[in-house]
Amino acid sequence: MDSHPEVGNNSQILKKIGCTPKEYFYHQENPWGWSGEYEKEKSLSEITEVLNPLLSKRTIIYDFGPEKIKRAAAISGKGAPHEMNRLIENNIDLYITGEIHEWNRELFREAHINCIAGGHYHTERFGIMALMEKVKEDLKDIQTEWLELENEV
């Protein structure tokens, strides 16, 4: 559910913020994230306004990068970056994930990259919700229902 181009968590996160998913991102051997680009830059505040109602009440935002976002990457769940080089090399302005490590904060500050850590559970709902809508659309005889079992983490 993370890497699927249509109903995966990460492509759906990018689509939700109006960013067009362009390519798989993160581990080349087993990519599960997506990176994307805006046709016209979007402000970090516009993006957080869209995402805030969908993410954990305990969301962490590091606004250490540019206010105008051109390129973003999403890796849901436990997607804390282990190294920043790939983000820097790909000119990522905003990194969206579920969980981050304490030591990531200073790496984002030094790299001048924004980060939103919206909760493991909350970032892994995007794909399931998109799949539910796809099932409703394609298989009209099947009923679907979303059961919210929120976990703040």
N, C-alpha and C. Protein backbone atom coordinates (compact mmCIF):
# COMPACT_ATOMS: atom_id res chain seq x y z
N MET A 1 0.81 -1.21 0.00
CA MET A 1 0.00 0.00 0.00
C MET A 1 0.85 1.27 0.00
N ASP A 2 2.11 1.16 0.28
CA ASP A 2 2.94 2.37 0.31
C ASP A 2 3.31 2.86 -1.08
N SER A 3 3.75 1.95 -1.95
CA SER A 3 4.37 2.39 -3.20
C SER A 3 3.47 2.38 -4.43
N HIS A 4 2.26 1.91 -4.33
CA HIS A 4 1.40 1.82 -5.52
C HIS A 4 1.20 3.21 -6.12
N PRO A 5 1.37 3.34 -7.45
CA PRO A 5 1.28 4.67 -8.07
C PRO A 5 -0.10 5.31 -8.05
N GLU A 6 -1.15 4.48 -7.98
CA GLU A 6 -2.50 5.05 -8.01
C GLU A 6 -3.11 5.18 -6.62
N VAL A 7 -3.07 4.10 -5.83
CA VAL A 7 -3.74 4.11 -4.54
C VAL A 7 -2.77 3.91 -3.37
N GLY A 8 -1.51 4.10 -3.59
CA GLY A 8 -0.54 3.96 -2.51
C GLY A 8 -0.56 5.16 -1.57
N ASN A 9 -0.16 4.93 -0.34
CA ASN A 9 -0.14 6.01 0.65
C ASN A 9 0.64 7.22 0.17
N ASN A 10 1.82 6.98 -0.38
CA ASN A 10 2.72 8.09 -0.68
C ASN A 10 2.32 8.89 -1.91
N SER A 11 1.87 8.22 -2.95
CA SER A 11 1.37 8.98 -4.11
C SER A 11 0.11 9.74 -3.72
N GLN A 12 -0.71 9.14 -2.86
CA GLN A 12 -1.93 9.81 -2.42
C GLN A 12 -1.65 11.03 -1.54
N ILE A 13 -0.63 10.95 -0.70
CA ILE A 13 -0.25 12.11 0.11
C ILE A 13 0.13 13.26 -0.81
N LEU A 14 0.96 12.97 -1.81
CA LEU A 14 1.38 14.03 -2.74
C LEU A 14 0.19 14.59 -3.51
N LYS A 15 -0.68 13.71 -3.98
CA LYS A 15 -1.87 14.17 -4.71
C LYS A 15 -2.76 15.04 -3.82
N LYS A 16 -2.88 14.66 -2.54
CA LYS A 16 -3.73 15.42 -1.62
C LYS A 16 -3.25 16.86 -1.47
N ILE A 17 -1.93 17.07 -1.55
CA ILE A 17 -1.39 18.43 -1.41
C ILE A 17 -1.19 19.11 -2.76
N GLY A 18 -1.73 18.49 -3.82
CA GLY A 18 -1.67 19.10 -5.15
C GLY A 18 -0.35 18.95 -5.86
N CYS A 19 0.48 18.02 -5.42
CA CYS A 19 1.80 17.79 -5.99
C CYS A 19 1.72 16.56 -6.90
N THR A 20 2.23 16.64 -8.11
CA THR A 20 2.16 15.53 -9.04
C THR A 20 3.27 14.52 -8.76
N PRO A 21 2.92 13.26 -8.40
CA PRO A 21 3.94 12.24 -8.19
C PRO A 21 4.70 11.98 -9.49
N LYS A 22 6.03 11.95 -9.42
CA LYS A 22 6.86 11.78 -10.61
C LYS A 22 7.63 10.47 -10.62
N GLU A 23 8.20 10.07 -9.44
CA GLU A 23 9.03 8.87 -9.43
C GLU A 23 9.11 8.26 -8.04
N TYR A 24 9.42 6.96 -8.04
CA TYR A 24 9.64 6.29 -6.77
C TYR A 24 10.79 6.97 -6.05
N PHE A 25 10.75 6.91 -4.73
CA PHE A 25 11.77 7.60 -3.96
C PHE A 25 12.22 6.78 -2.78
N TYR A 26 13.45 6.90 -2.43
CA TYR A 26 14.14 6.38 -1.26
C TYR A 26 15.00 5.21 -1.62
N HIS A 27 14.72 4.01 -1.16
CA HIS A 27 15.59 2.86 -1.41
C HIS A 27 15.43 2.39 -2.85
N GLN A 28 16.52 2.39 -3.61
CA GLN A 28 16.44 1.96 -5.01
C GLN A 28 16.08 0.49 -5.14
N GLU A 29 16.56 -0.35 -4.20
CA GLU A 29 16.27 -1.78 -4.26
C GLU A 29 14.81 -2.08 -3.95
N ASN A 30 14.22 -1.29 -3.06
CA ASN A 30 12.86 -1.53 -2.63
C ASN A 30 12.17 -0.19 -2.37
N PRO A 31 11.89 0.55 -3.44
CA PRO A 31 11.31 1.89 -3.22
C PRO A 31 9.87 1.80 -2.73
N TRP A 32 9.58 2.57 -1.71
CA TRP A 32 8.18 2.61 -1.27
C TRP A 32 7.66 4.05 -1.19
N GLY A 33 8.54 5.00 -1.29
CA GLY A 33 8.11 6.39 -1.27
C GLY A 33 7.95 6.94 -2.68
N TRP A 34 7.44 8.16 -2.75
CA TRP A 34 7.28 8.87 -4.02
C TRP A 34 7.80 10.28 -3.87
N SER A 35 8.35 10.81 -4.95
CA SER A 35 8.68 12.23 -4.98
C SER A 35 7.86 12.85 -6.09
N GLY A 36 7.62 14.14 -5.96
CA GLY A 36 6.80 14.81 -6.95
C GLY A 36 7.16 16.28 -7.05
N GLU A 37 6.47 16.93 -7.94
CA GLU A 37 6.79 18.32 -8.24
C GLU A 37 5.51 19.11 -8.46
N TYR A 38 5.57 20.34 -8.05
CA TYR A 38 4.47 21.28 -8.32
C TYR A 38 4.74 21.97 -9.65
N GLU A 39 3.68 22.16 -10.41
CA GLU A 39 3.81 22.95 -11.63
C GLU A 39 4.12 24.40 -11.26
N LYS A 40 3.41 24.88 -10.24
CA LYS A 40 3.65 26.22 -9.70
C LYS A 40 3.89 26.05 -8.20
N GLU A 41 4.95 26.64 -7.71
CA GLU A 41 5.30 26.48 -6.30
C GLU A 41 4.11 26.76 -5.38
N LYS A 42 4.09 26.05 -4.25
CA LYS A 42 3.04 26.21 -3.27
C LYS A 42 3.71 26.52 -1.93
N SER A 43 3.07 27.35 -1.14
CA SER A 43 3.67 27.73 0.14
C SER A 43 3.51 26.59 1.15
N LEU A 44 4.46 26.52 2.06
CA LEU A 44 4.40 25.52 3.12
C LEU A 44 3.14 25.69 3.94
N SER A 45 2.73 26.92 4.19
CA SER A 45 1.51 27.16 4.98
C SER A 45 0.27 26.64 4.25
N GLU A 46 0.21 26.76 2.93
CA GLU A 46 -0.93 26.21 2.17
C GLU A 46 -0.97 24.69 2.30
N ILE A 47 0.19 24.08 2.24
CA ILE A 47 0.28 22.62 2.33
C ILE A 47 -0.14 22.14 3.72
N THR A 48 0.37 22.79 4.75
CA THR A 48 0.01 22.37 6.11
C THR A 48 -1.47 22.60 6.40
N GLU A 49 -2.04 23.61 5.79
CA GLU A 49 -3.47 23.86 5.97
C GLU A 49 -4.30 22.69 5.43
N VAL A 50 -3.87 22.11 4.32
CA VAL A 50 -4.56 20.96 3.74
C VAL A 50 -4.33 19.71 4.59
N LEU A 51 -3.08 19.50 5.03
CA LEU A 51 -2.74 18.26 5.73
C LEU A 51 -3.15 18.22 7.19
N ASN A 52 -3.11 19.34 7.89
CA ASN A 52 -3.35 19.34 9.34
C ASN A 52 -4.60 18.57 9.77
N PRO A 53 -5.75 18.74 9.11
CA PRO A 53 -6.94 17.99 9.57
C PRO A 53 -6.83 16.48 9.35
N LEU A 54 -5.89 16.05 8.51
CA LEU A 54 -5.77 14.64 8.17
C LEU A 54 -4.69 13.91 8.96
N LEU A 55 -3.89 14.66 9.69
CA LEU A 55 -2.75 14.08 10.39
C LEU A 55 -2.97 14.04 11.89
N SER A 56 -2.04 13.44 12.58
CA SER A 56 -2.10 13.30 14.03
C SER A 56 -2.12 14.66 14.73
N LYS A 57 -2.76 14.70 15.87
CA LYS A 57 -2.72 15.90 16.70
C LYS A 57 -1.30 16.16 17.20
N ARG A 58 -0.46 15.14 17.13
CA ARG A 58 0.92 15.24 17.57
C ARG A 58 1.89 15.44 16.40
N THR A 59 1.40 15.94 15.29
CA THR A 59 2.24 16.19 14.11
C THR A 59 3.39 17.13 14.47
N ILE A 60 4.54 16.82 13.90
CA ILE A 60 5.73 17.64 14.07
C ILE A 60 6.03 18.30 12.74
N ILE A 61 6.24 19.61 12.76
CA ILE A 61 6.60 20.34 11.54
C ILE A 61 7.91 21.06 11.77
N TYR A 62 8.88 20.77 10.92
CA TYR A 62 10.16 21.49 10.92
C TYR A 62 10.14 22.40 9.70
N ASP A 63 9.98 23.68 9.92
CA ASP A 63 9.96 24.62 8.79
C ASP A 63 11.34 25.24 8.62
N PHE A 64 12.29 24.40 8.23
CA PHE A 64 13.68 24.80 8.08
C PHE A 64 14.06 25.06 6.62
N GLY A 65 13.15 24.80 5.70
CA GLY A 65 13.45 24.96 4.28
C GLY A 65 12.75 26.17 3.70
N PRO A 66 12.66 26.21 2.39
CA PRO A 66 12.03 27.35 1.74
C PRO A 66 10.53 27.43 2.02
N GLU A 67 9.99 28.64 2.04
CA GLU A 67 8.54 28.82 2.23
C GLU A 67 7.78 28.38 0.97
N LYS A 68 8.38 28.55 -0.18
CA LYS A 68 7.76 28.11 -1.44
C LYS A 68 8.32 26.74 -1.82
N ILE A 69 7.42 25.77 -1.96
CA ILE A 69 7.78 24.39 -2.21
C ILE A 69 7.64 24.07 -3.70
N LYS A 70 8.70 23.50 -4.28
CA LYS A 70 8.67 23.05 -5.68
C LYS A 70 8.66 21.52 -5.75
N ARG A 71 9.51 20.88 -4.93
CA ARG A 71 9.62 19.42 -4.93
C ARG A 71 9.35 18.86 -3.54
N ALA A 72 8.59 17.77 -3.50
CA ALA A 72 8.25 17.13 -2.23
C ALA A 72 8.45 15.63 -2.35
N ALA A 73 8.68 14.99 -1.22
CA ALA A 73 8.78 13.53 -1.16
C ALA A 73 7.93 13.05 0.01
N ALA A 74 7.29 11.90 -0.17
CA ALA A 74 6.45 11.31 0.88
C ALA A 74 6.85 9.86 1.09
N ILE A 75 7.09 9.52 2.35
CA ILE A 75 7.36 8.14 2.75
C ILE A 75 6.58 7.92 4.04
N SER A 76 5.43 7.28 3.92
CA SER A 76 4.51 7.13 5.04
C SER A 76 5.06 6.21 6.12
N GLY A 77 4.37 6.21 7.26
CA GLY A 77 4.73 5.31 8.34
C GLY A 77 6.06 5.64 8.97
N LYS A 78 6.91 4.64 9.09
CA LYS A 78 8.23 4.81 9.71
C LYS A 78 9.24 5.16 8.62
N GLY A 79 9.07 6.32 8.03
CA GLY A 79 9.90 6.74 6.91
C GLY A 79 10.98 7.72 7.27
N ALA A 80 11.39 7.76 8.52
CA ALA A 80 12.45 8.70 8.92
C ALA A 80 13.68 8.48 8.07
N PRO A 81 14.24 9.55 7.52
CA PRO A 81 15.43 9.36 6.67
C PRO A 81 16.65 8.98 7.50
N HIS A 82 17.45 8.09 6.95
CA HIS A 82 18.68 7.68 7.62
C HIS A 82 19.86 8.50 7.14
N GLU A 83 19.71 9.10 5.98
CA GLU A 83 20.73 10.00 5.46
C GLU A 83 20.03 11.06 4.61
N MET A 84 20.59 12.24 4.60
CA MET A 84 19.94 13.37 3.94
C MET A 84 20.40 13.55 2.49
N ASN A 85 21.47 12.86 2.09
CA ASN A 85 22.04 13.08 0.76
C ASN A 85 21.02 12.92 -0.36
N ARG A 86 20.18 11.90 -0.27
CA ARG A 86 19.21 11.68 -1.34
C ARG A 86 18.21 12.84 -1.43
N LEU A 87 17.82 13.38 -0.28
CA LEU A 87 16.91 14.54 -0.28
C LEU A 87 17.59 15.75 -0.89
N ILE A 88 18.83 15.98 -0.51
CA ILE A 88 19.59 17.12 -1.02
C ILE A 88 19.84 16.98 -2.51
N GLU A 89 20.29 15.80 -2.95
CA GLU A 89 20.59 15.56 -4.37
C GLU A 89 19.37 15.71 -5.25
N ASN A 90 18.19 15.43 -4.71
CA ASN A 90 16.95 15.52 -5.49
C ASN A 90 16.22 16.84 -5.29
N ASN A 91 16.88 17.80 -4.64
CA ASN A 91 16.31 19.13 -4.44
C ASN A 91 14.93 19.09 -3.79
N ILE A 92 14.79 18.23 -2.78
CA ILE A 92 13.52 18.11 -2.07
C ILE A 92 13.38 19.29 -1.11
N ASP A 93 12.29 20.02 -1.23
CA ASP A 93 11.99 21.16 -0.36
C ASP A 93 11.17 20.75 0.86
N LEU A 94 10.39 19.66 0.70
CA LEU A 94 9.49 19.20 1.76
C LEU A 94 9.49 17.69 1.80
N TYR A 95 9.72 17.15 2.98
CA TYR A 95 9.71 15.71 3.21
C TYR A 95 8.55 15.41 4.15
N ILE A 96 7.65 14.51 3.73
CA ILE A 96 6.48 14.15 4.54
C ILE A 96 6.60 12.68 4.92
N THR A 97 6.46 12.40 6.21
CA THR A 97 6.57 11.04 6.70
C THR A 97 5.64 10.86 7.90
N GLY A 98 5.68 9.68 8.47
CA GLY A 98 4.89 9.42 9.65
C GLY A 98 5.68 9.67 10.92
N GLU A 99 6.84 9.01 11.01
CA GLU A 99 7.68 9.10 12.21
C GLU A 99 9.06 9.62 11.85
N ILE A 100 9.65 10.35 12.76
CA ILE A 100 11.03 10.75 12.62
C ILE A 100 11.76 10.46 13.92
N HIS A 101 13.08 10.47 13.84
CA HIS A 101 13.92 10.28 15.02
C HIS A 101 14.31 11.64 15.59
N GLU A 102 14.64 11.65 16.85
CA GLU A 102 15.02 12.90 17.51
C GLU A 102 16.18 13.58 16.78
N TRP A 103 17.13 12.83 16.33
CA TRP A 103 18.32 13.40 15.69
C TRP A 103 18.05 13.93 14.28
N ASN A 104 16.89 13.63 13.71
CA ASN A 104 16.57 14.14 12.37
C ASN A 104 16.39 15.65 12.34
N ARG A 105 15.95 16.23 13.45
CA ARG A 105 15.66 17.67 13.46
C ARG A 105 16.85 18.49 13.00
N GLU A 106 18.01 18.26 13.56
CA GLU A 106 19.17 19.06 13.19
C GLU A 106 19.65 18.78 11.77
N LEU A 107 19.44 17.56 11.29
CA LEU A 107 19.79 17.26 9.90
C LEU A 107 18.92 18.06 8.94
N PHE A 108 17.63 18.15 9.24
CA PHE A 108 16.73 18.95 8.40
C PHE A 108 17.10 20.43 8.47
N ARG A 109 17.46 20.90 9.66
CA ARG A 109 17.85 22.30 9.81
C ARG A 109 19.11 22.59 8.97
N GLU A 110 20.10 21.73 9.10
CA GLU A 110 21.36 21.94 8.37
C GLU A 110 21.18 21.84 6.86
N ALA A 111 20.27 20.97 6.43
CA ALA A 111 20.04 20.77 5.00
C ALA A 111 19.06 21.79 4.41
N HIS A 112 18.43 22.60 5.27
CA HIS A 112 17.43 23.59 4.84
C HIS A 112 16.28 22.92 4.07
N ILE A 113 15.74 21.87 4.71
CA ILE A 113 14.62 21.11 4.14
C ILE A 113 13.48 21.11 5.17
N ASN A 114 12.27 21.35 4.72
CA ASN A 114 11.08 21.28 5.57
C ASN A 114 10.70 19.81 5.79
N CYS A 115 10.11 19.53 6.93
CA CYS A 115 9.66 18.17 7.22
C CYS A 115 8.33 18.22 7.96
N ILE A 116 7.44 17.33 7.57
CA ILE A 116 6.19 17.13 8.29
C ILE A 116 6.14 15.65 8.68
N ALA A 117 6.08 15.39 9.98
CA ALA A 117 5.93 14.03 10.49
C ALA A 117 4.53 13.94 11.09
N GLY A 118 3.61 13.37 10.32
CA GLY A 118 2.20 13.42 10.66
C GLY A 118 1.63 12.24 11.39
N GLY A 119 2.50 11.35 11.87
CA GLY A 119 2.02 10.18 12.60
C GLY A 119 2.01 8.94 11.72
N HIS A 120 2.51 7.85 12.26
CA HIS A 120 2.59 6.59 11.51
C HIS A 120 1.20 6.18 10.99
N TYR A 121 0.27 6.07 11.90
CA TYR A 121 -1.08 5.66 11.54
C TYR A 121 -1.72 6.61 10.53
N HIS A 122 -1.63 7.89 10.80
CA HIS A 122 -2.32 8.87 9.95
C HIS A 122 -1.78 8.91 8.53
N THR A 123 -0.48 8.73 8.35
CA THR A 123 0.07 8.76 6.99
C THR A 123 -0.19 7.46 6.24
N GLU A 124 -0.61 6.43 6.95
CA GLU A 124 -0.87 5.17 6.28
C GLU A 124 -2.37 4.93 6.05
N ARG A 125 -3.16 5.96 6.21
CA ARG A 125 -4.59 5.88 5.90
C ARG A 125 -4.89 6.31 4.46
N PHE A 126 -4.04 7.15 3.88
CA PHE A 126 -4.30 7.74 2.57
C PHE A 126 -4.57 6.68 1.49
N GLY A 127 -3.75 5.65 1.45
CA GLY A 127 -3.91 4.61 0.43
C GLY A 127 -5.16 3.78 0.63
N ILE A 128 -5.43 3.41 1.87
CA ILE A 128 -6.63 2.60 2.16
C ILE A 128 -7.89 3.37 1.79
N MET A 129 -7.91 4.67 2.10
CA MET A 129 -9.07 5.49 1.73
C MET A 129 -9.22 5.58 0.22
N ALA A 130 -8.11 5.72 -0.49
CA ALA A 130 -8.16 5.79 -1.95
C ALA A 130 -8.61 4.45 -2.53
N LEU A 131 -8.15 3.35 -1.95
CA LEU A 131 -8.56 2.02 -2.41
C LEU A 131 -10.06 1.82 -2.16
N MET A 132 -10.54 2.28 -1.03
CA MET A 132 -11.95 2.17 -0.71
C MET A 132 -12.79 2.91 -1.77
N GLU A 133 -12.36 4.09 -2.16
CA GLU A 133 -13.08 4.86 -3.19
C GLU A 133 -13.03 4.15 -4.54
N LYS A 134 -11.89 3.54 -4.85
CA LYS A 134 -11.73 2.80 -6.12
C LYS A 134 -12.67 1.59 -6.14
N VAL A 135 -12.77 0.88 -5.03
CA VAL A 135 -13.67 -0.27 -4.94
C VAL A 135 -15.12 0.20 -5.11
N LYS A 136 -15.50 1.29 -4.46
CA LYS A 136 -16.86 1.83 -4.61
C LYS A 136 -17.16 2.17 -6.06
N GLU A 137 -16.18 2.75 -6.74
CA GLU A 137 -16.36 3.18 -8.12
C GLU A 137 -16.41 2.00 -9.09
N ASP A 138 -15.50 1.04 -8.94
CA ASP A 138 -15.37 -0.06 -9.90
C ASP A 138 -16.28 -1.25 -9.60
N LEU A 139 -16.58 -1.48 -8.34
CA LEU A 139 -17.37 -2.64 -7.93
C LEU A 139 -18.59 -2.15 -7.16
N LYS A 140 -19.50 -1.59 -7.89
CA LYS A 140 -20.64 -0.89 -7.29
C LYS A 140 -21.49 -1.75 -6.36
N ASP A 141 -21.45 -3.07 -6.52
CA ASP A 141 -22.26 -3.96 -5.68
C ASP A 141 -21.62 -4.23 -4.32
N ILE A 142 -20.38 -3.84 -4.16
CA ILE A 142 -19.69 -4.08 -2.89
C ILE A 142 -19.80 -2.84 -2.02
N GLN A 143 -20.23 -3.03 -0.80
CA GLN A 143 -20.34 -1.91 0.14
C GLN A 143 -19.03 -1.77 0.90
N THR A 144 -18.66 -0.55 1.13
CA THR A 144 -17.46 -0.28 1.93
C THR A 144 -17.83 0.68 3.06
N GLU A 145 -17.06 0.58 4.13
CA GLU A 145 -17.28 1.47 5.26
C GLU A 145 -15.95 1.74 5.92
N TRP A 146 -15.67 3.00 6.22
CA TRP A 146 -14.44 3.37 6.90
C TRP A 146 -14.68 3.32 8.41
N LEU A 147 -13.87 2.54 9.09
CA LEU A 147 -13.94 2.47 10.54
C LEU A 147 -12.70 3.18 11.08
N GLU A 148 -12.89 4.29 11.72
CA GLU A 148 -11.77 5.06 12.26
C GLU A 148 -11.37 4.51 13.62
N LEU A 149 -10.18 3.98 13.70
CA LEU A 149 -9.62 3.46 14.94
C LEU A 149 -8.34 4.24 15.20
N GLU A 150 -8.50 5.50 15.50
CA GLU A 150 -7.39 6.43 15.55
C GLU A 150 -6.31 6.04 16.56
N ASN A 151 -5.09 6.24 16.12
CA ASN A 151 -3.92 6.07 16.96
C ASN A 151 -3.09 7.34 16.78
N GLU A 152 -2.86 8.09 17.83
CA GLU A 152 -2.14 9.37 17.71
C GLU A 152 -0.70 9.21 17.24
N VAL A 153 -0.13 8.03 17.38
CA VAL A 153 1.27 7.82 17.02
C VAL A 153 1.43 7.83 15.51
